[in-house]
PDB file of N, CA and C in Angstrom:
ATOM      1  N   MET A   1     213.216 147.381 -41.853  1.00  0.00           N
ATOM      2  CA  MET A   1     212.050 148.098 -42.593  1.00  0.00           C
ATOM      3  C   MET A   1     211.181 148.650 -41.322  1.00  0.00           C
ATOM      4  N   THR A   2     210.810 149.971 -41.578  1.00  0.00           N
ATOM      5  CA  THR A   2     209.936 150.528 -40.599  1.00  0.00           C
ATOM      6  C   THR A   2     208.601 150.473 -41.150  1.00  0.00           C
ATOM      7  N   CYS A   3     207.644 150.512 -40.279  1.00  0.00           N
ATOM      8  CA  CYS A   3     206.137 150.416 -40.497  1.00  0.00           C
ATOM      9  C   CYS A   3     205.553 151.854 -40.227  1.00  0.00           C
ATOM     10  N   GLU A   4     205.420 152.686 -41.119  1.00  0.00           N
ATOM     11  CA  GLU A   4     204.919 154.036 -40.832  1.00  0.00           C
ATOM     12  C   GLU A   4     203.467 154.203 -41.092  1.00  0.00           C
ATOM     13  N   ASN A   5     202.784 155.083 -40.410  1.00  0.00           N
ATOM     14  CA  ASN A   5     201.417 155.340 -40.664  1.00  0.00           C
ATOM     15  C   ASN A   5     201.256 156.446 -41.678  1.00  0.00           C
ATOM     16  N   ASN A   6     201.520 156.186 -42.904  1.00  0.00           N
ATOM     17  CA  ASN A   6     201.521 157.138 -43.905  1.00  0.00           C
ATOM     18  C   ASN A   6     200.505 156.836 -45.073  1.00  0.00           C
ATOM     19  N   HIS A   7     199.521 156.015 -44.879  1.00  0.00           N
ATOM     20  CA  HIS A   7     198.557 155.707 -45.917  1.00  0.00           C
ATOM     21  C   HIS A   7     197.069 155.931 -45.461  1.00  0.00           C
ATOM     22  N   ILE A   8     196.946 156.749 -44.534  1.00  0.00           N
ATOM     23  CA  ILE A   8     195.592 157.016 -44.042  1.00  0.00           C
ATOM     24  C   ILE A   8     194.733 157.622 -45.161  1.00  0.00           C
ATOM     25  N   HIS A   9     195.304 158.397 -46.096  1.00  0.00           N
ATOM     26  CA  HIS A   9     194.489 158.965 -47.124  1.00  0.00           C
ATOM     27  C   HIS A   9     193.974 157.948 -48.127  1.00  0.00           C
ATOM     28  N   ILE A  10     194.601 156.738 -48.184  1.00  0.00           N
ATOM     29  CA  ILE A  10     194.041 155.720 -49.134  1.00  0.00           C
ATOM     30  C   ILE A  10     193.451 154.493 -48.476  1.00  0.00           C
ATOM     31  N   CYS A  11     193.576 154.506 -47.137  1.00  0.00           N
ATOM     32  CA  CYS A  11     192.952 153.409 -46.348  1.00  0.00           C
ATOM     33  C   CYS A  11     191.466 153.272 -46.461  1.00  0.00           C
ATOM     34  N   ASN A  12     190.977 152.169 -47.023  1.00  0.00           N
ATOM     35  CA  ASN A  12     189.453 152.005 -47.176  1.00  0.00           C
ATOM     36  C   ASN A  12     188.822 151.276 -46.067  1.00  0.00           C
ATOM     37  N   CYS A  13     189.447 151.012 -45.008  1.00  0.00           N
ATOM     38  CA  CYS A  13     188.901 150.236 -43.929  1.00  0.00           C
ATOM     39  C   CYS A  13     187.917 151.176 -43.204  1.00  0.00           C
ATOM     40  N   PRO A  14     186.639 150.583 -43.061  1.00  0.00           N
ATOM     41  CA  PRO A  14     185.537 151.465 -42.411  1.00  0.00           C
ATOM     42  C   PRO A  14     185.748 151.512 -40.909  1.00  0.00           C
ATOM     43  N   PHE A  15     186.618 150.656 -40.331  1.00  0.00           N
ATOM     44  CA  PHE A  15     186.659 150.549 -38.945  1.00  0.00           C
ATOM     45  C   PHE A  15     187.860 151.290 -38.370  1.00  0.00           C
ATOM     46  N   ASP A  16     187.720 151.942 -37.225  1.00  0.00           N
ATOM     47  CA  ASP A  16     188.782 152.706 -36.618  1.00  0.00           C
ATOM     48  C   ASP A  16     189.511 151.804 -35.632  1.00  0.00           C
ATOM     49  N   CYS A  17     190.852 151.540 -36.006  1.00  0.00           N
ATOM     50  CA  CYS A  17     191.657 150.701 -35.239  1.00  0.00           C
ATOM     51  C   CYS A  17     193.121 151.230 -35.171  1.00  0.00           C
ATOM     52  N   ASP A  18     193.898 150.622 -34.421  1.00  0.00           N
ATOM     53  CA  ASP A  18     195.269 151.073 -34.263  1.00  0.00           C
ATOM     54  C   ASP A  18     196.105 150.904 -35.557  1.00  0.00           C
ATOM     55  N   ASN A  19     195.708 150.091 -36.414  1.00  0.00           N
ATOM     56  CA  ASN A  19     196.515 149.861 -37.683  1.00  0.00           C
ATOM     57  C   ASN A  19     195.956 150.616 -38.855  1.00  0.00           C
ATOM     58  N   HIS A  20     194.912 151.511 -38.575  1.00  0.00           N
ATOM     59  CA  HIS A  20     194.423 152.259 -39.710  1.00  0.00           C
ATOM     60  C   HIS A  20     195.498 153.133 -40.458  1.00  0.00           C
ATOM     61  N   GLY A  21     195.698 152.742 -41.745  1.00  0.00           N
ATOM     62  CA  GLY A  21     196.585 153.578 -42.615  1.00  0.00           C
ATOM     63  C   GLY A  21     198.148 153.016 -42.508  1.00  0.00           C
ATOM     64  N   THR A  22     198.285 152.063 -41.593  1.00  0.00           N
ATOM     65  CA  THR A  22     199.585 151.432 -41.444  1.00  0.00           C
ATOM     66  C   THR A  22     199.570 150.047 -42.025  1.00  0.00           C
ATOM     67  N   CYS A  23     199.823 150.083 -43.376  1.00  0.00           N
ATOM     68  CA  CYS A  23     199.600 148.814 -44.188  1.00  0.00           C
ATOM     69  C   CYS A  23     200.211 147.597 -43.814  1.00  0.00           C
ATOM     70  N   CYS A  24     201.694 147.718 -43.405  1.00  0.00           N
ATOM     71  CA  CYS A  24     202.428 146.426 -43.021  1.00  0.00           C
ATOM     72  C   CYS A  24     201.843 145.945 -41.769  1.00  0.00           C
ATOM     73  N   ALA A  25     201.391 146.761 -40.738  1.00  0.00           N
ATOM     74  CA  ALA A  25     200.899 146.321 -39.543  1.00  0.00           C
ATOM     75  C   ALA A  25     199.474 145.734 -39.707  1.00  0.00           C
ATOM     76  N   CYS A  26     198.720 146.312 -40.600  1.00  0.00           N
ATOM     77  CA  CYS A  26     197.288 145.874 -40.773  1.00  0.00           C
ATOM     78  C   CYS A  26     197.423 144.501 -41.505  1.00  0.00           C
ATOM     79  N   LEU A  27     198.280 144.395 -42.556  1.00  0.00           N
ATOM     80  CA  LEU A  27     198.346 143.163 -43.201  1.00  0.00           C
ATOM     81  C   LEU A  27     198.816 142.050 -42.229  1.00  0.00           C
ATOM     82  N   TYR A  28     199.812 142.257 -41.424  1.00  0.00           N
ATOM     83  CA  TYR A  28     200.311 141.367 -40.423  1.00  0.00           C
ATOM     84  C   TYR A  28     199.177 140.925 -39.495  1.00  0.00           C
ATOM     85  N   HIS A  29     198.458 141.879 -39.080  1.00  0.00           N
ATOM     86  CA  HIS A  29     197.296 141.592 -38.197  1.00  0.00           C
ATOM     87  C   HIS A  29     196.249 140.638 -38.845  1.00  0.00           C
ATOM     88  N   HIS A  30     195.945 140.885 -40.136  1.00  0.00           N
ATOM     89  CA  HIS A  30     194.939 140.131 -40.712  1.00  0.00           C
ATOM     90  C   HIS A  30     195.378 138.629 -41.152  1.00  0.00           C
ATOM     91  N   VAL A  31     196.649 138.606 -41.622  1.00  0.00           N
ATOM     92  CA  VAL A  31     197.216 137.461 -42.123  1.00  0.00           C
ATOM     93  C   VAL A  31     197.345 136.364 -40.852  1.00  0.00           C
ATOM     94  N   THR A  32     197.699 136.921 -39.810  1.00  0.00           N
ATOM     95  CA  THR A  32     197.863 136.040 -38.594  1.00  0.00           C
ATOM     96  C   THR A  32     196.538 135.530 -38.002  1.00  0.00           C
ATOM     97  N   LYS A  33     195.486 136.191 -38.476  1.00  0.00           N
ATOM     98  CA  LYS A  33     194.101 135.647 -38.237  1.00  0.00           C
ATOM     99  C   LYS A  33     193.559 134.812 -39.332  1.00  0.00           C
ATOM    100  N   GLY A  34     194.315 134.661 -40.426  1.00  0.00           N
ATOM    101  CA  GLY A  34     193.796 133.904 -41.532  1.00  0.00           C
ATOM    102  C   GLY A  34     192.885 134.629 -42.378  1.00  0.00           C
ATOM    103  N   GLU A  35     192.982 135.915 -42.523  1.00  0.00           N
ATOM    104  CA  GLU A  35     192.052 136.776 -43.319  1.00  0.00           C
ATOM    105  C   GLU A  35     192.801 137.741 -44.111  1.00  0.00           C
ATOM    106  N   PHE A  36     192.046 138.637 -44.863  1.00  0.00           N
ATOM    107  CA  PHE A  36     192.706 139.677 -45.647  1.00  0.00           C
ATOM    108  C   PHE A  36     192.116 141.009 -45.228  1.00  0.00           C
ATOM    109  N   PRO A  37     192.941 142.126 -45.224  1.00  0.00           N
ATOM    110  CA  PRO A  37     192.353 143.404 -45.006  1.00  0.00           C
ATOM    111  C   PRO A  37     191.449 143.967 -46.029  1.00  0.00           C
ATOM    112  N   SER A  38     190.717 145.055 -45.687  1.00  0.00           N
ATOM    113  CA  SER A  38     189.587 145.439 -46.568  1.00  0.00           C
ATOM    114  C   SER A  38     190.126 146.011 -47.999  1.00  0.00           C
ATOM    115  N   CYS A  39     191.498 146.347 -48.035  1.00  0.00           N
ATOM    116  CA  CYS A  39     192.034 146.888 -49.228  1.00  0.00           C
ATOM    117  C   CYS A  39     192.132 145.812 -50.309  1.00  0.00           C
ATOM    118  N   PHE A  40     192.000 144.555 -49.926  1.00  0.00           N
ATOM    119  CA  PHE A  40     191.963 143.464 -50.961  1.00  0.00           C
ATOM    120  C   PHE A  40     190.601 143.374 -51.623  1.00  0.00           C
ATOM    121  N   PHE A  41     189.576 143.862 -51.091  1.00  0.00           N
ATOM    122  CA  PHE A  41     188.230 143.748 -51.644  1.00  0.00           C
ATOM    123  C   PHE A  41     187.863 145.033 -52.388  1.00  0.00           C
ATOM    124  N   LYS A  42     186.955 144.828 -53.304  1.00  0.00           N
ATOM    125  CA  LYS A  42     186.536 145.879 -54.159  1.00  0.00           C
ATOM    126  C   LYS A  42     185.159 146.513 -53.757  1.00  0.00           C
ATOM    127  N   SER A  43     184.162 145.576 -53.577  1.00  0.00           N
ATOM    128  CA  SER A  43     182.852 146.048 -53.272  1.00  0.00           C
ATOM    129  C   SER A  43     182.614 146.620 -51.899  1.00  0.00           C
ATOM    130  N   GLU A  44     181.781 147.617 -51.693  1.00  0.00           N
ATOM    131  CA  GLU A  44     181.483 148.044 -50.467  1.00  0.00           C
ATOM    132  C   GLU A  44     180.919 147.076 -49.494  1.00  0.00           C
ATOM    133  N   LYS A  45     180.093 146.195 -50.038  1.00  0.00           N
ATOM    134  CA  LYS A  45     179.453 145.111 -49.188  1.00  0.00           C
ATOM    135  C   LYS A  45     180.564 144.262 -48.656  1.00  0.00           C
ATOM    136  N   ALA A  46     181.594 143.876 -49.388  1.00  0.00           N
ATOM    137  CA  ALA A  46     182.691 143.028 -48.933  1.00  0.00           C
ATOM    138  C   ALA A  46     183.603 143.708 -47.904  1.00  0.00           C
ATOM    139  N   ILE A  47     183.584 145.139 -48.158  1.00  0.00           N
ATOM    140  CA  ILE A  47     184.551 145.935 -47.226  1.00  0.00           C
ATOM    141  C   ILE A  47     183.921 146.050 -45.910  1.00  0.00           C
ATOM    142  N   GLU A  48     182.535 146.248 -45.930  1.00  0.00           N
ATOM    143  CA  GLU A  48     181.808 146.357 -44.598  1.00  0.00           C
ATOM    144  C   GLU A  48     181.559 144.991 -44.015  1.00  0.00           C
ATOM    145  N   ASN A  49     181.643 143.961 -44.653  1.00  0.00           N
ATOM    146  CA  ASN A  49     181.436 142.605 -44.157  1.00  0.00           C
ATOM    147  C   ASN A  49     182.685 142.208 -43.266  1.00  0.00           C
ATOM    148  N   ARG A  50     182.451 141.626 -42.075  1.00  0.00           N
ATOM    149  CA  ARG A  50     183.515 141.230 -41.299  1.00  0.00           C
ATOM    150  C   ARG A  50     184.225 139.985 -41.627  1.00  0.00           C
ATOM    151  N   ASP A  51     183.531 139.301 -42.622  1.00  0.00           N
ATOM    152  CA  ASP A  51     184.175 137.991 -43.236  1.00  0.00           C
ATOM    153  C   ASP A  51     185.135 138.384 -44.155  1.00  0.00           C
ATOM    154  N   ARG A  52     186.470 138.256 -43.929  1.00  0.00           N
ATOM    155  CA  ARG A  52     187.551 138.690 -44.689  1.00  0.00           C
ATOM    156  C   ARG A  52     188.324 137.367 -45.216  1.00  0.00           C
ATOM    157  N   SER A  53     187.604 136.360 -45.340  1.00  0.00           N
ATOM    158  CA  SER A  53     188.181 134.986 -45.607  1.00  0.00           C
ATOM    159  C   SER A  53     188.594 134.904 -47.147  1.00  0.00           C
ATOM    160  N   LEU A  54     189.454 133.924 -47.430  1.00  0.00           N
ATOM    161  CA  LEU A  54     189.887 133.749 -48.719  1.00  0.00           C
ATOM    162  C   LEU A  54     188.765 133.423 -49.710  1.00  0.00           C
ATOM    163  N   ASP A  55     187.816 132.596 -49.079  1.00  0.00           N
ATOM    164  CA  ASP A  55     186.550 132.174 -49.829  1.00  0.00           C
ATOM    165  C   ASP A  55     185.808 133.375 -50.310  1.00  0.00           C
ATOM    166  N   VAL A  56     185.596 134.273 -49.421  1.00  0.00           N
ATOM    167  CA  VAL A  56     184.805 135.506 -49.738  1.00  0.00           C
ATOM    168  C   VAL A  56     185.562 136.303 -50.880  1.00  0.00           C
ATOM    169  N   LEU A  57     186.970 136.592 -50.604  1.00  0.00           N
ATOM    170  CA  LEU A  57     187.739 137.165 -51.669  1.00  0.00           C
ATOM    171  C   LEU A  57     187.706 136.514 -53.020  1.00  0.00           C
ATOM    172  N   LEU A  58     187.771 135.309 -53.009  1.00  0.00           N
ATOM    173  CA  LEU A  58     187.679 134.581 -54.489  1.00  0.00           C
ATOM    174  C   LEU A  58     186.414 134.685 -55.001  1.00  0.00           C
ATOM    175  N   LYS A  59     185.200 134.630 -54.274  1.00  0.00           N
ATOM    176  CA  LYS A  59     183.957 134.763 -54.872  1.00  0.00           C
ATOM    177  C   LYS A  59     183.747 136.216 -55.438  1.00  0.00           C
ATOM    178  N   GLU A  60     184.310 137.153 -54.632  1.00  0.00           N
ATOM    179  CA  GLU A  60     184.246 138.542 -55.300  1.00  0.00           C
ATOM    180  C   GLU A  60     185.062 138.829 -56.466  1.00  0.00           C
ATOM    181  N   ARG A  61     186.171 138.162 -56.540  1.00  0.00           N
ATOM    182  CA  ARG A  61     187.187 138.358 -57.637  1.00  0.00           C
ATOM    183  C   ARG A  61     187.036 137.328 -58.821  1.00  0.00           C
ATOM    184  N   LYS A  62     186.058 136.363 -58.698  1.00  0.00           N
ATOM    185  CA  LYS A  62     186.061 135.309 -59.609  1.00  0.00           C
ATOM    186  C   LYS A  62     185.896 135.745 -61.002  1.00  0.00           C
ATOM    187  N   ALA A  63     185.141 136.677 -61.340  1.00  0.00           N
ATOM    188  CA  ALA A  63     184.838 137.289 -62.702  1.00  0.00           C
ATOM    189  C   ALA A  63     186.098 137.831 -63.222  1.00  0.00           C
ATOM    190  N   GLU A  64     186.892 138.559 -62.354  1.00  0.00           N
ATOM    191  CA  GLU A  64     188.073 139.103 -62.772  1.00  0.00           C
ATOM    192  C   GLU A  64     189.180 138.016 -63.067  1.00  0.00           C
ATOM    193  N   VAL A  65     189.267 136.970 -62.275  1.00  0.00           N
ATOM    194  CA  VAL A  65     190.145 135.885 -62.497  1.00  0.00           C
ATOM    195  C   VAL A  65     189.798 135.171 -63.768  1.00  0.00           C
ATOM    196  N   MET A  66     188.587 134.955 -63.932  1.00  0.00           N
ATOM    197  CA  MET A  66     188.241 134.156 -65.203  1.00  0.00           C
ATOM    198  C   MET A  66     188.496 134.927 -66.373  1.00  0.00           C
ATOM    199  N   GLN A  67     188.400 136.229 -66.365  1.00  0.00           N
ATOM    200  CA  GLN A  67     188.736 137.109 -67.494  1.00  0.00           C
ATOM    201  C   GLN A  67     190.243 137.021 -67.865  1.00  0.00           C
ATOM    202  N   ILE A  68     191.017 137.077 -66.771  1.00  0.00           N
ATOM    203  CA  ILE A  68     192.473 136.956 -66.967  1.00  0.00           C
ATOM    204  C   ILE A  68     192.820 135.569 -67.581  1.00  0.00           C
ATOM    205  N   LEU A  69     192.159 134.548 -67.019  1.00  0.00           N
ATOM    206  CA  LEU A  69     192.478 133.193 -67.567  1.00  0.00           C
ATOM    207  C   LEU A  69     192.013 132.984 -69.040  1.00  0.00           C
ATOM    208  N   LYS A  70     190.985 133.649 -69.314  1.00  0.00           N
ATOM    209  CA  LYS A  70     190.556 133.639 -70.791  1.00  0.00           C
ATOM    210  C   LYS A  70     191.485 134.375 -71.702  1.00  0.00           C
ATOM    211  N   LYS A  71     191.974 135.511 -71.230  1.00  0.00           N
ATOM    212  CA  LYS A  71     192.885 136.236 -72.089  1.00  0.00           C
ATOM    213  C   LYS A  71     194.259 135.396 -72.335  1.00  0.00           C
ATOM    214  N   LYS A  72     194.617 134.625 -71.411  1.00  0.00           N
ATOM    215  CA  LYS A  72     195.825 133.785 -71.446  1.00  0.00           C
ATOM    216  C   LYS A  72     195.536 132.431 -71.941  1.00  0.00           C
ATOM    217  N   ASN A  73     194.187 132.196 -72.390  1.00  0.00           N
ATOM    218  CA  ASN A  73     193.757 130.928 -72.944  1.00  0.00           C
ATOM    219  C   ASN A  73     194.084 129.727 -72.064  1.00  0.00           C
ATOM    220  N   ILE A  74     193.694 129.990 -70.727  1.00  0.00           N
ATOM    221  CA  ILE A  74     193.863 128.859 -69.778  1.00  0.00           C
ATOM    222  C   ILE A  74     192.416 128.366 -69.370  1.00  0.00           C
ATOM    223  N   LYS A  75     192.243 127.012 -69.596  1.00  0.00           N
ATOM    224  CA  LYS A  75     190.959 126.536 -69.155  1.00  0.00           C
ATOM    225  C   LYS A  75     190.904 126.177 -67.754  1.00  0.00           C
ATOM    226  N   ASN A  76     189.690 126.346 -67.007  1.00  0.00           N
ATOM    227  CA  ASN A  76     189.617 126.044 -65.687  1.00  0.00           C
ATOM    228  C   ASN A  76     189.137 124.619 -65.423  1.00  0.00           C
TER     229      ASN A  76
END
C-alpha cells in the first residue's frame, strides 16, 4: 500500500507538518505517540488543542456515543 499526499483539500489539521494531507502517515505518527489526529475531533477547540488523547476525544464525543447507545437500548 502506498501512502500518497492526496487529502490536502480535506485535512483539517491547523498545523503545517510533513504529514499534512497524508492520512496514513499522519495516523501512524499520532498513534505511535498514543494520540489521535485532528480529523478525529469535531470542535475547533479540540482541533486547535494540542491534547489529542483518548480522554479528550471521549469527552468530546460522549453525547454522540450516548445517543447511539440509547437508540440501541444499551444501558451504560
